[in-house]
Amino acid sequence: MKLLTKNNAQPQQKQGFTGFFSTLSRKPWIWAWLAAGATYLATLLVVSSGGAGALLYAAFTFASFAVIVGIGQMFVITLGPGNVDLSIPATMTLAGTLALKFMATDGALILPGLLIALGIGLTCGVFNFLLILLLRIPPIIATLSSSFLFQSVAIWSNRGLRIKPPPLLADFSTGGILGIPNIALVALVVSILAWVVLEKAIAGRWISATGQNSRAARLGGVPVNAVRFSVYVSCAVLASFTGFMLASFSGGANLNMGTEYLLMSIAVVVIGGSSIAGGNSNVPGIWAAALFMFLMVSMLNSYGLGAGARLILTGIIIVSVVALANKKGYRV
């Protein structure tokens, strides 16, 4: 009887491992993590062994900024086709510029400066939503139009000058604890909160339902307009917070500080496995995609490829990862 039980247990154990890996392979974000790992290893081939830790530290540092804005963009894209926030770079610039200008390198004004940055994000988000709701402007056009307004205010406020952060804030944004960048810890907290909203809160169900079918969601009692309002405001607030931290990290606010995060915020969402058709999103994929994007640039630079070759190879890699992540049958 014992022998029979033992023999029966072996196939079940194998089936358990097989089922685990089969389930894991159907997660769209797994491909972004595999791509990030492969890119990391490929970069290590041309750097010294001592540079492995430094490369990983840098990857988590710079990826963290993309993670925070990517989470905000993820919520917007989850609302369904046509929903995307193109005002993220301008919101980052405006928030970072006005907050640092208010603090004027005074460490005692860090908290008020942060509140000002978040308030700017709140205002920008409300403005975007009013354009979409009241004027019936498509989200892409509305946020693109508002971005010019936000950027103009930022230009007017600092007149091209580089505004420096308080030393205490600069030290925190560039520092770390136990070998982990502080900004990565901040991004981790934001990620956990976003995951809780998506997976555990009714708000996450409302966002997904709105993205899958807004009409059906409204008939089912979902406050669709309230959901869209909260999502666009949250995206703008996260963008303003990122601008505040990025300006502190880079040694000051400048008018081009948010430019690269326009396409980056969209790329990390798509590569991370969230559906561009809406109704389906995930947080782990955002981290994987953000790390992959930084490591990919590092790898191409390490191999000495020119700008043209880097752009071509970057496009090929992104298309390949997206194709794998959106293969039929891969669901979060």
C-alpha atoms as a PDB file:
ATOM      1  CA  MET A   1       0.000   0.000   0.000  1.00  0.00           C
ATOM      2  CA  LYS A   2       2.880   2.378   0.820  1.00  0.00           C
ATOM      3  CA  LEU A   3       4.557   1.515  -2.479  1.00  0.00           C
ATOM      4  CA  LEU A   4       1.386   2.300  -4.368  1.00  0.00           C
ATOM      5  CA  THR A   5       1.033   5.628  -2.623  1.00  0.00           C
ATOM      6  CA  LYS A   6       4.645   6.503  -3.364  1.00  0.00           C
ATOM      7  CA  ASN A   7       4.322   5.615  -7.028  1.00  0.00           C
ATOM      8  CA  ASN A   8       1.136   7.653  -7.335  1.00  0.00           C
ATOM      9  CA  ALA A   9       2.695  10.647  -5.656  1.00  0.00           C
ATOM     10  CA  GLN A  10       5.499  11.010  -8.203  1.00  0.00           C
ATOM     11  CA  PRO A  11       3.304  11.756 -11.229  1.00  0.00           C
ATOM     12  CA  GLN A  12       1.248  14.169  -9.134  1.00  0.00           C
ATOM     13  CA  GLN A  13       4.399  15.972  -8.055  1.00  0.00           C
ATOM     14  CA  LYS A  14       5.602  16.211 -11.643  1.00  0.00           C
ATOM     15  CA  GLN A  15       2.218  17.428 -12.695  1.00  0.00           C
ATOM     16  CA  GLY A  16       2.372  20.036  -9.962  1.00  0.00           C
ATOM     17  CA  PHE A  17       5.695  21.426 -11.206  1.00  0.00           C
ATOM     18  CA  THR A  18       4.522  21.268 -14.806  1.00  0.00           C
ATOM     19  CA  GLY A  19       1.296  23.028 -13.930  1.00  0.00           C
ATOM     20  CA  PHE A  20       3.186  25.730 -12.039  1.00  0.00           C
ATOM     21  CA  PHE A  21       5.498  26.524 -14.949  1.00  0.00           C
ATOM     22  CA  SER A  22       2.624  26.281 -17.390  1.00  0.00           C
ATOM     23  CA  THR A  23       0.643  28.802 -15.372  1.00  0.00           C
ATOM     24  CA  LEU A  24       3.680  31.040 -15.012  1.00  0.00           C
ATOM     25  CA  SER A  25       4.350  31.001 -18.752  1.00  0.00           C
ATOM     26  CA  ARG A  26       0.850  32.334 -19.387  1.00  0.00           C
ATOM     27  CA  LYS A  27       1.578  35.488 -17.417  1.00  0.00           C
ATOM     28  CA  PRO A  28       2.270  38.255 -19.942  1.00  0.00           C
ATOM     29  CA  TRP A  29       4.726  40.008 -17.621  1.00  0.00           C
ATOM     30  CA  ILE A  30       7.008  36.969 -17.454  1.00  0.00           C
ATOM     31  CA  TRP A  31       8.434  37.810 -20.882  1.00  0.00           C
ATOM     32  CA  ALA A  32       9.456  41.274 -19.755  1.00  0.00           C
ATOM     33  CA  TRP A  33      11.248  39.802 -16.728  1.00  0.00           C
ATOM     34  CA  LEU A  34      13.015  37.240 -18.917  1.00  0.00           C
ATOM     35  CA  ALA A  35      14.030  39.972 -21.354  1.00  0.00           C
ATOM     36  CA  ALA A  36      15.342  42.146 -18.511  1.00  0.00           C
ATOM     37  CA  GLY A  37      17.351  39.231 -17.100  1.00  0.00           C
ATOM     38  CA  ALA A  38      18.809  38.319 -20.479  1.00  0.00           C
ATOM     39  CA  THR A  39      19.736  41.940 -21.167  1.00  0.00           C
ATOM     40  CA  TYR A  40      21.404  42.228 -17.769  1.00  0.00           C
ATOM     41  CA  LEU A  41      23.521  39.135 -18.427  1.00  0.00           C
ATOM     42  CA  ALA A  42      24.424  40.348 -21.913  1.00  0.00           C
ATOM     43  CA  THR A  43      25.614  43.661 -20.472  1.00  0.00           C
ATOM     44  CA  LEU A  44      27.738  41.923 -17.853  1.00  0.00           C
ATOM     45  CA  LEU A  45      29.735  40.253 -20.636  1.00  0.00           C
ATOM     46  CA  VAL A  46      31.440  43.556 -21.422  1.00  0.00           C
ATOM     47  CA  VAL A  47      31.707  45.054 -17.936  1.00  0.00           C
ATOM     48  CA  SER A  48      33.988  44.077 -15.085  1.00  0.00           C
ATOM     49  CA  SER A  49      32.738  41.733 -12.380  1.00  0.00           C
ATOM     50  CA  GLY A  50      32.732  44.625  -9.912  1.00  0.00           C
ATOM     51  CA  GLY A  51      30.328  46.493 -12.146  1.00  0.00           C
ATOM     52  CA  ALA A  52      27.527  43.937 -11.752  1.00  0.00           C
ATOM     53  CA  GLY A  53      26.274  45.424  -8.506  1.00  0.00           C
ATOM     54  CA  ALA A  54      26.690  48.985  -9.747  1.00  0.00           C
ATOM     55  CA  LEU A  55      24.727  48.186 -12.899  1.00  0.00           C
ATOM     56  CA  LEU A  56      21.903  46.651 -10.887  1.00  0.00           C
ATOM     57  CA  TYR A  57      21.848  49.616  -8.500  1.00  0.00           C
ATOM     58  CA  ALA A  58      21.678  52.064 -11.406  1.00  0.00           C
ATOM     59  CA  ALA A  59      18.986  49.992 -13.116  1.00  0.00           C
ATOM     60  CA  PHE A  60      16.707  50.068 -10.086  1.00  0.00           C
ATOM     61  CA  THR A  61      17.393  53.760  -9.556  1.00  0.00           C
ATOM     62  CA  PHE A  62      16.498  54.981 -13.020  1.00  0.00           C
ATOM     63  CA  ALA A  63      13.770  52.386 -13.582  1.00  0.00           C
ATOM     64  CA  SER A  64      11.973  53.610 -10.467  1.00  0.00           C
ATOM     65  CA  PHE A  65      11.052  56.923 -12.090  1.00  0.00           C
ATOM     66  CA  ALA A  66       9.584  55.065 -15.073  1.00  0.00           C
ATOM     67  CA  VAL A  67       7.714  52.747 -12.698  1.00  0.00           C
ATOM     68  CA  ILE A  68       5.919  55.591 -10.914  1.00  0.00           C
ATOM     69  CA  VAL A  69       4.782  57.392 -14.064  1.00  0.00           C
ATOM     70  CA  GLY A  70       4.125  54.032 -15.726  1.00  0.00           C
ATOM     71  CA  ILE A  71       1.678  53.030 -12.997  1.00  0.00           C
ATOM     72  CA  GLY A  72      -0.277  56.228 -13.557  1.00  0.00           C
ATOM     73  CA  GLN A  73      -0.307  55.674 -17.312  1.00  0.00           C
ATOM     74  CA  MET A  74      -1.306  52.037 -16.752  1.00  0.00           C
ATOM     75  CA  PHE A  75      -4.470  53.069 -14.945  1.00  0.00           C
ATOM     76  CA  VAL A  76      -5.362  55.456 -17.777  1.00  0.00           C
ATOM     77  CA  ILE A  77      -4.740  52.887 -20.524  1.00  0.00           C
ATOM     78  CA  THR A  78      -6.799  50.348 -18.577  1.00  0.00           C
ATOM     79  CA  LEU A  79      -9.836  52.588 -19.148  1.00  0.00           C
ATOM     80  CA  GLY A  80      -9.968  51.398 -22.752  1.00  0.00           C
ATOM     81  CA  PRO A  81      -8.994  52.388 -26.297  1.00  0.00           C
ATOM     82  CA  GLY A  82      -8.186  56.061 -26.821  1.00  0.00           C
ATOM     83  CA  ASN A  83      -7.319  56.678 -23.191  1.00  0.00           C
ATOM     84  CA  VAL A  84      -3.743  57.856 -22.745  1.00  0.00           C
ATOM     85  CA  ASP A  85      -2.234  60.821 -20.915  1.00  0.00           C
ATOM     86  CA  LEU A  86       0.188  62.765 -23.120  1.00  0.00           C
ATOM     87  CA  SER A  87       0.587  65.580 -20.591  1.00  0.00           C
ATOM     88  CA  ILE A  88       2.803  63.538 -18.242  1.00  0.00           C
ATOM     89  CA  PRO A  89       6.126  65.186 -19.267  1.00  0.00           C
ATOM     90  CA  ALA A  90       4.715  68.712 -18.951  1.00  0.00           C
ATOM     91  CA  THR A  91       3.100  67.895 -15.601  1.00  0.00           C
ATOM     92  CA  MET A  92       6.423  66.540 -14.326  1.00  0.00           C
ATOM     93  CA  THR A  93       8.247  69.679 -15.466  1.00  0.00           C
ATOM     94  CA  LEU A  94       5.697  72.097 -14.044  1.00  0.00           C
ATOM     95  CA  ALA A  95       5.511  70.358 -10.671  1.00  0.00           C
ATOM     96  CA  GLY A  96       9.275  70.024 -10.317  1.00  0.00           C
ATOM     97  CA  THR A  97       9.899  73.610 -11.379  1.00  0.00           C
ATOM     98  CA  LEU A  98       7.335  75.314  -9.141  1.00  0.00           C
ATOM     99  CA  ALA A  99       8.034  73.108  -6.118  1.00  0.00           C
ATOM    100  CA  LEU A 100      11.795  73.659  -6.244  1.00  0.00           C
ATOM    101  CA  LYS A 101      11.341  77.367  -6.898  1.00  0.00           C
ATOM    102  CA  PHE A 102       9.148  77.613  -3.798  1.00  0.00           C
ATOM    103  CA  MET A 103      11.631  75.715  -1.611  1.00  0.00           C
ATOM    104  CA  ALA A 104      14.581  77.808  -2.842  1.00  0.00           C
ATOM    105  CA  THR A 105      17.049  75.227  -1.427  1.00  0.00           C
ATOM    106  CA  ASP A 106      15.537  75.636   2.071  1.00  0.00           C
ATOM    107  CA  GLY A 107      15.358  72.240   3.760  1.00  0.00           C
ATOM    108  CA  ALA A 108      12.608  73.431   6.103  1.00  0.00           C
ATOM    109  CA  LEU A 109      10.248  73.817   3.129  1.00  0.00           C
ATOM    110  CA  ILE A 110      10.558  70.276   1.770  1.00  0.00           C
ATOM    111  CA  LEU A 111       7.148  69.119   2.990  1.00  0.00           C
ATOM    112  CA  PRO A 112       5.303  72.242   1.764  1.00  0.00           C
ATOM    113  CA  GLY A 113       7.175  71.900  -1.520  1.00  0.00           C
ATOM    114  CA  LEU A 114       6.012  68.318  -1.878  1.00  0.00           C
ATOM    115  CA  LEU A 115       2.429  69.357  -1.160  1.00  0.00           C
ATOM    116  CA  ILE A 116       2.709  72.057  -3.819  1.00  0.00           C
ATOM    117  CA  ALA A 117       3.935  69.494  -6.340  1.00  0.00           C
ATOM    118  CA  LEU A 118       1.064  67.139  -5.523  1.00  0.00           C
ATOM    119  CA  GLY A 119      -1.384  70.041  -5.678  1.00  0.00           C
ATOM    120  CA  ILE A 120      -0.123  70.917  -9.147  1.00  0.00           C
ATOM    121  CA  GLY A 121      -0.675  67.324 -10.206  1.00  0.00           C
ATOM    122  CA  LEU A 122      -4.186  67.419  -8.795  1.00  0.00           C
ATOM    123  CA  THR A 123      -4.935  70.636 -10.700  1.00  0.00           C
ATOM    124  CA  CYS A 124      -3.513  69.263 -13.952  1.00  0.00           C
ATOM    125  CA  GLY A 125      -5.534  66.061 -13.606  1.00  0.00           C
ATOM    126  CA  VAL A 126      -8.765  67.935 -12.964  1.00  0.00           C
ATOM    127  CA  PHE A 127      -8.072  70.210 -15.939  1.00  0.00           C
ATOM    128  CA  ASN A 128      -7.487  67.231 -18.227  1.00  0.00           C
ATOM    129  CA  PHE A 129     -10.681  65.559 -17.122  1.00  0.00           C
ATOM    130  CA  LEU A 130     -12.751  68.704 -17.588  1.00  0.00           C
ATOM    131  CA  LEU A 131     -11.516  68.975 -21.169  1.00  0.00           C
ATOM    132  CA  ILE A 132     -12.525  65.362 -21.756  1.00  0.00           C
ATOM    133  CA  LEU A 133     -15.884  65.460 -19.969  1.00  0.00           C
ATOM    134  CA  LEU A 134     -17.235  68.961 -20.572  1.00  0.00           C
ATOM    135  CA  LEU A 135     -15.830  69.693 -24.022  1.00  0.00           C
ATOM    136  CA  ARG A 136     -16.047  66.078 -25.219  1.00  0.00           C
ATOM    137  CA  ILE A 137     -12.467  66.220 -26.492  1.00  0.00           C
ATOM    138  CA  PRO A 138     -10.813  62.821 -27.075  1.00  0.00           C
ATOM    139  CA  PRO A 139      -8.327  62.089 -24.263  1.00  0.00           C
ATOM    140  CA  ILE A 140      -5.308  62.037 -26.582  1.00  0.00           C
ATOM    141  CA  ILE A 141      -6.113  65.484 -27.980  1.00  0.00           C
ATOM    142  CA  ALA A 142      -7.151  66.885 -24.603  1.00  0.00           C
ATOM    143  CA  THR A 143      -3.988  65.843 -22.795  1.00  0.00           C
ATOM    144  CA  LEU A 144      -1.776  66.861 -25.722  1.00  0.00           C
ATOM    145  CA  SER A 145      -3.355  70.319 -25.737  1.00  0.00           C
ATOM    146  CA  SER A 146      -3.064  70.738 -21.988  1.00  0.00           C
ATOM    147  CA  SER A 147       0.589  69.693 -22.118  1.00  0.00           C
ATOM    148  CA  PHE A 148       1.398  72.814 -24.157  1.00  0.00           C
ATOM    149  CA  LEU A 149      -0.325  74.940 -21.527  1.00  0.00           C
ATOM    150  CA  PHE A 150       1.476  73.259 -18.620  1.00  0.00           C
ATOM    151  CA  GLN A 151       4.832  73.516 -20.379  1.00  0.00           C
ATOM    152  CA  SER A 152       4.264  77.198 -21.141  1.00  0.00           C
ATOM    153  CA  VAL A 153       3.585  77.923 -17.479  1.00  0.00           C
ATOM    154  CA  ALA A 154       6.773  76.069 -16.547  1.00  0.00           C
ATOM    155  CA  ILE A 155       8.786  78.108 -19.074  1.00  0.00           C
ATOM    156  CA  TRP A 156       7.294  81.347 -17.782  1.00  0.00           C
ATOM    157  CA  SER A 157       7.979  80.446 -14.149  1.00  0.00           C
ATOM    158  CA  ASN A 158      11.701  79.700 -14.334  1.00  0.00           C
ATOM    159  CA  ARG A 159      12.709  81.397 -17.611  1.00  0.00           C
ATOM    160  CA  GLY A 160      15.137  78.608 -18.506  1.00  0.00           C
ATOM    161  CA  LEU A 161      17.036  78.687 -15.208  1.00  0.00           C
ATOM    162  CA  ARG A 162      18.048  75.455 -13.451  1.00  0.00           C
ATOM    163  CA  ILE A 163      16.491  75.479  -9.989  1.00  0.00           C
ATOM    164  CA  LYS A 164      18.389  73.443  -7.406  1.00  0.00           C
ATOM    165  CA  PRO A 165      16.777  71.323  -4.664  1.00  0.00           C
ATOM    166  CA  PRO A 166      17.492  71.575  -0.927  1.00  0.00           C
ATOM    167  CA  PRO A 167      20.636  69.574  -0.047  1.00  0.00           C
ATOM    168  CA  LEU A 168      18.703  67.295   2.332  1.00  0.00           C
ATOM    169  CA  LEU A 169      16.212  66.382  -0.391  1.00  0.00           C
ATOM    170  CA  ALA A 170      18.990  65.850  -2.918  1.00  0.00           C
ATOM    171  CA  ASP A 171      20.815  63.545  -0.507  1.00  0.00           C
ATOM    172  CA  PHE A 172      17.679  61.481   0.087  1.00  0.00           C
ATOM    173  CA  SER A 173      16.796  61.115  -3.602  1.00  0.00           C
ATOM    174  CA  THR A 174      20.318  60.034  -4.548  1.00  0.00           C
ATOM    175  CA  GLY A 175      20.978  57.916  -1.453  1.00  0.00           C
ATOM    176  CA  GLY A 176      20.099  54.382  -0.461  1.00  0.00           C
ATOM    177  CA  ILE A 177      19.567  51.984   2.430  1.00  0.00           C
ATOM    178  CA  LEU A 178      21.376  48.642   2.653  1.00  0.00           C
ATOM    179  CA  GLY A 179      22.356  48.842  -0.992  1.00  0.00           C
ATOM    180  CA  ILE A 180      18.819  49.676  -2.161  1.00  0.00           C
ATOM    181  CA  PRO A 181      18.161  53.119  -3.716  1.00  0.00           C
ATOM    182  CA  ASN A 182      15.750  55.272  -1.730  1.00  0.00           C
ATOM    183  CA  ILE A 183      13.830  56.114  -4.875  1.00  0.00           C
ATOM    184  CA  ALA A 184      13.358  52.391  -5.527  1.00  0.00           C
ATOM    185  CA  LEU A 185      11.857  51.980  -2.054  1.00  0.00           C
ATOM    186  CA  VAL A 186       9.509  54.876  -2.762  1.00  0.00           C
ATOM    187  CA  ALA A 187       8.504  53.307  -6.083  1.00  0.00           C
ATOM    188  CA  LEU A 188       7.947  49.989  -4.311  1.00  0.00           C
ATOM    189  CA  VAL A 189       5.509  51.616  -1.885  1.00  0.00           C
ATOM    190  CA  VAL A 190       3.643  53.209  -4.795  1.00  0.00           C
ATOM    191  CA  SER A 191       3.570  49.830  -6.564  1.00  0.00           C
ATOM    192  CA  ILE A 192       2.153  48.032  -3.535  1.00  0.00           C
ATOM    193  CA  LEU A 193      -0.591  50.634  -3.158  1.00  0.00           C
ATOM    194  CA  ALA A 194      -1.425  50.342  -6.864  1.00  0.00           C
ATOM    195  CA  TRP A 195      -1.534  46.533  -6.598  1.00  0.00           C
ATOM    196  CA  VAL A 196      -3.870  46.724  -3.614  1.00  0.00           C
ATOM    197  CA  VAL A 197      -6.196  49.042  -5.528  1.00  0.00           C
ATOM    198  CA  LEU A 198      -6.216  46.777  -8.571  1.00  0.00           C
ATOM    199  CA  GLU A 199      -6.492  43.413  -6.834  1.00  0.00           C
ATOM    200  CA  LYS A 200      -8.174  44.028  -3.486  1.00  0.00           C
ATOM    201  CA  ALA A 201     -10.287  47.166  -3.761  1.00  0.00           C
ATOM    202  CA  ILE A 202     -13.609  47.650  -5.490  1.00  0.00           C
ATOM    203  CA  ALA A 203     -12.083  50.653  -7.262  1.00  0.00           C
ATOM    204  CA  GLY A 204      -9.810  48.296  -9.182  1.00  0.00           C
ATOM    205  CA  ARG A 205     -12.798  46.241 -10.316  1.00  0.00           C
ATOM    206  CA  TRP A 206     -14.545  49.401 -11.441  1.00  0.00           C
ATOM    207  CA  ILE A 207     -11.498  50.475 -13.463  1.00  0.00           C
ATOM    208  CA  SER A 208     -11.242  47.086 -15.168  1.00  0.00           C
ATOM    209  CA  ALA A 209     -14.983  46.947 -15.813  1.00  0.00           C
ATOM    210  CA  THR A 210     -14.928  50.420 -17.345  1.00  0.00           C
ATOM    211  CA  GLY A 211     -12.067  49.445 -19.624  1.00  0.00           C
ATOM    212  CA  GLN A 212     -13.715  46.216 -20.744  1.00  0.00           C
ATOM    213  CA  ASN A 213     -17.071  47.814 -21.578  1.00  0.00           C
ATOM    214  CA  SER A 214     -17.938  51.253 -20.242  1.00  0.00           C
ATOM    215  CA  ARG A 215     -21.594  51.027 -21.263  1.00  0.00           C
ATOM    216  CA  ALA A 216     -22.089  47.687 -19.556  1.00  0.00           C
ATOM    217  CA  ALA A 217     -20.226  48.980 -16.508  1.00  0.00           C
ATOM    218  CA  ARG A 218     -22.516  52.007 -16.284  1.00  0.00           C
ATOM    219  CA  LEU A 219     -25.597  49.801 -16.573  1.00  0.00           C
ATOM    220  CA  GLY A 220     -24.110  47.600 -13.844  1.00  0.00           C
ATOM    221  CA  GLY A 221     -23.957  50.518 -11.431  1.00  0.00           C
ATOM    222  CA  VAL A 222     -20.329  51.523 -11.865  1.00  0.00           C
ATOM    223  CA  PRO A 223     -19.841  55.317 -11.543  1.00  0.00           C
ATOM    224  CA  VAL A 224     -17.927  55.533 -14.814  1.00  0.00           C
ATOM    225  CA  ASN A 225     -17.313  59.287 -14.774  1.00  0.00           C
ATOM    226  CA  ALA A 226     -16.076  59.160 -11.196  1.00  0.00           C
ATOM    227  CA  VAL A 227     -13.745  56.314 -12.109  1.00  0.00           C
ATOM    228  CA  ARG A 228     -12.341  58.198 -15.083  1.00  0.00           C
ATOM    229  CA  PHE A 229     -11.931  61.327 -12.962  1.00  0.00           C
ATOM    230  CA  SER A 230     -10.002  59.499 -10.249  1.00  0.00           C
ATOM    231  CA  VAL A 231      -7.784  57.738 -12.804  1.00  0.00           C
ATOM    232  CA  TYR A 232      -6.763  60.890 -14.693  1.00  0.00           C
ATOM    233  CA  VAL A 233      -6.168  62.779 -11.453  1.00  0.00           C
ATOM    234  CA  SER A 234      -4.121  59.908 -10.014  1.00  0.00           C
ATOM    235  CA  CYS A 235      -2.010  59.753 -13.162  1.00  0.00           C
ATOM    236  CA  ALA A 236      -1.271  63.483 -12.982  1.00  0.00           C
ATOM    237  CA  VAL A 237      -0.472  63.323  -9.254  1.00  0.00           C
ATOM    238  CA  LEU A 238       1.971  60.449  -9.810  1.00  0.00           C
ATOM    239  CA  ALA A 239       3.555  62.399 -12.673  1.00  0.00           C
ATOM    240  CA  SER A 240       3.956  65.487 -10.485  1.00  0.00           C
ATOM    241  CA  PHE A 241       5.451  63.402  -7.683  1.00  0.00           C
ATOM    242  CA  THR A 242       7.907  61.868 -10.146  1.00  0.00           C
ATOM    243  CA  GLY A 243       8.838  65.334 -11.393  1.00  0.00           C
ATOM    244  CA  PHE A 244       9.471  66.440  -7.812  1.00  0.00           C
ATOM    245  CA  MET A 245      11.729  63.453  -7.107  1.00  0.00           C
ATOM    246  CA  LEU A 246      13.477  63.548 -10.501  1.00  0.00           C
ATOM    247  CA  ALA A 247      14.318  67.229 -10.137  1.00  0.00           C
ATOM    248  CA  SER A 248      15.745  66.524  -6.694  1.00  0.00           C
ATOM    249  CA  PHE A 249      17.704  63.528  -7.973  1.00  0.00           C
ATOM    250  CA  SER A 250      19.192  65.268 -11.012  1.00  0.00           C
ATOM    251  CA  GLY A 251      20.293  68.349  -9.105  1.00  0.00           C
ATOM    252  CA  GLY A 252      17.598  70.718 -10.305  1.00  0.00           C
ATOM    253  CA  ALA A 253      14.523  71.259 -12.435  1.00  0.00           C
ATOM    254  CA  ASN A 254      14.868  71.990 -16.140  1.00  0.00           C
ATOM    255  CA  LEU A 255      12.429  72.348 -18.997  1.00  0.00           C
ATOM    256  CA  ASN A 256      13.354  69.051 -20.667  1.00  0.00           C
ATOM    257  CA  MET A 257      13.348  66.839 -17.596  1.00  0.00           C
ATOM    258  CA  GLY A 258      10.152  64.989 -18.472  1.00  0.00           C
ATOM    259  CA  THR A 259      10.570  64.625 -22.227  1.00  0.00           C
ATOM    260  CA  GLU A 260      11.764  61.014 -22.318  1.00  0.00           C
ATOM    261  CA  TYR A 261       8.939  59.851 -20.056  1.00  0.00           C
ATOM    262  CA  LEU A 262       6.215  60.408 -22.644  1.00  0.00           C
ATOM    263  CA  LEU A 263       6.989  57.296 -24.695  1.00  0.00           C
ATOM    264  CA  MET A 264       8.606  55.580 -21.708  1.00  0.00           C
ATOM    265  CA  SER A 265       5.387  55.710 -19.686  1.00  0.00           C
ATOM    266  CA  ILE A 266       3.496  54.045 -22.541  1.00  0.00           C
ATOM    267  CA  ALA A 267       6.228  51.542 -23.405  1.00  0.00           C
ATOM    268  CA  VAL A 268       6.523  50.128 -19.878  1.00  0.00           C
ATOM    269  CA  VAL A 269       2.757  49.580 -19.779  1.00  0.00           C
ATOM    270  CA  VAL A 270       2.618  47.735 -23.097  1.00  0.00           C
ATOM    271  CA  ILE A 271       5.834  45.757 -22.640  1.00  0.00           C
ATOM    272  CA  GLY A 272       4.797  44.937 -19.090  1.00  0.00           C
ATOM    273  CA  GLY A 273       1.817  42.980 -20.361  1.00  0.00           C
ATOM    274  CA  SER A 274      -1.101  45.345 -19.794  1.00  0.00           C
ATOM    275  CA  SER A 275      -3.670  45.244 -22.558  1.00  0.00           C
ATOM    276  CA  ILE A 276      -3.658  48.265 -24.847  1.00  0.00           C
ATOM    277  CA  ALA A 277      -7.329  47.510 -25.477  1.00  0.00           C
ATOM    278  CA  GLY A 278      -8.059  48.252 -21.813  1.00  0.00           C
ATOM    279  CA  GLY A 279      -9.617  46.283 -18.999  1.00  0.00           C
ATOM    280  CA  ASN A 280      -6.461  44.362 -18.097  1.00  0.00           C
ATOM    281  CA  SER A 281      -3.380  45.606 -16.253  1.00  0.00           C
ATOM    282  CA  ASN A 282      -0.680  44.434 -13.875  1.00  0.00           C
ATOM    283  CA  VAL A 283       1.929  46.018 -11.649  1.00  0.00           C
ATOM    284  CA  PRO A 284       4.772  43.421 -11.776  1.00  0.00           C
ATOM    285  CA  GLY A 285       5.066  43.950 -15.515  1.00  0.00           C
ATOM    286  CA  ILE A 286       5.690  47.664 -15.023  1.00  0.00           C
ATOM    287  CA  TRP A 287       8.810  46.930 -12.969  1.00  0.00           C
ATOM    288  CA  ALA A 288      10.054  44.334 -15.443  1.00  0.00           C
ATOM    289  CA  ALA A 289       9.535  46.612 -18.427  1.00  0.00           C
ATOM    290  CA  ALA A 290      11.162  49.607 -16.741  1.00  0.00           C
ATOM    291  CA  LEU A 291      14.247  47.559 -15.831  1.00  0.00           C
ATOM    292  CA  PHE A 292      14.339  46.092 -19.322  1.00  0.00           C
ATOM    293  CA  MET A 293      14.235  49.509 -20.979  1.00  0.00           C
ATOM    294  CA  PHE A 294      17.142  50.857 -18.895  1.00  0.00           C
ATOM    295  CA  LEU A 295      19.226  47.702 -19.205  1.00  0.00           C
ATOM    296  CA  MET A 296      18.658  47.554 -22.934  1.00  0.00           C
ATOM    297  CA  VAL A 297      20.064  51.059 -23.422  1.00  0.00           C
ATOM    298  CA  SER A 298      22.973  50.192 -21.136  1.00  0.00           C
ATOM    299  CA  MET A 299      23.683  47.018 -23.094  1.00  0.00           C
ATOM    300  CA  LEU A 300      23.659  48.770 -26.465  1.00  0.00           C
ATOM    301  CA  ASN A 301      25.900  51.544 -25.142  1.00  0.00           C
ATOM    302  CA  SER A 302      28.289  48.967 -23.670  1.00  0.00           C
ATOM    303  CA  TYR A 303      28.641  47.289 -27.048  1.00  0.00           C
ATOM    304  CA  GLY A 304      29.448  50.639 -28.637  1.00  0.00           C
ATOM    305  CA  LEU A 305      26.538  50.723 -31.078  1.00  0.00           C
ATOM    306  CA  GLY A 306      25.710  54.028 -32.721  1.00  0.00           C
ATOM    307  CA  ALA A 307      22.506  55.920 -32.128  1.00  0.00           C
ATOM    308  CA  GLY A 308      20.929  54.645 -35.350  1.00  0.00           C
ATOM    309  CA  ALA A 309      21.730  51.012 -34.612  1.00  0.00           C
ATOM    310  CA  ARG A 310      20.487  51.412 -31.040  1.00  0.00           C
ATOM    311  CA  LEU A 311      17.144  52.760 -32.235  1.00  0.00           C
ATOM    312  CA  ILE A 312      16.670  49.954 -34.756  1.00  0.00           C
ATOM    313  CA  LEU A 313      17.590  47.206 -32.320  1.00  0.00           C
ATOM    314  CA  THR A 314      15.510  48.833 -29.601  1.00  0.00           C
ATOM    315  CA  GLY A 315      12.459  48.769 -31.856  1.00  0.00           C
ATOM    316  CA  ILE A 316      13.027  45.122 -32.812  1.00  0.00           C
ATOM    317  CA  ILE A 317      13.399  44.033 -29.194  1.00  0.00           C
ATOM    318  CA  ILE A 318      10.313  45.934 -28.054  1.00  0.00           C
ATOM    319  CA  VAL A 319       8.185  44.501 -30.865  1.00  0.00           C
ATOM    320  CA  SER A 320       9.410  40.988 -30.044  1.00  0.00           C
ATOM    321  CA  VAL A 321       8.617  41.296 -26.349  1.00  0.00           C
ATOM    322  CA  VAL A 322       5.200  42.806 -27.023  1.00  0.00           C
ATOM    323  CA  ALA A 323       4.407  40.015 -29.501  1.00  0.00           C
ATOM    324  CA  LEU A 324       5.254  37.375 -26.893  1.00  0.00           C
ATOM    325  CA  ALA A 325       3.393  39.174 -24.124  1.00  0.00           C
ATOM    326  CA  ASN A 326       0.228  39.484 -26.188  1.00  0.00           C
ATOM    327  CA  LYS A 327       0.299  35.959 -27.575  1.00  0.00           C
ATOM    328  CA  LYS A 328      -3.122  34.345 -27.512  1.00  0.00           C
ATOM    329  CA  GLY A 329      -3.881  32.688 -24.224  1.00  0.00           C
ATOM    330  CA  TYR A 330      -1.559  34.811 -22.041  1.00  0.00           C
ATOM    331  CA  ARG A 331      -3.613  36.386 -19.318  1.00  0.00           C
ATOM    332  CA  VAL A 332      -2.785  38.048 -16.039  1.00  0.00           C
END
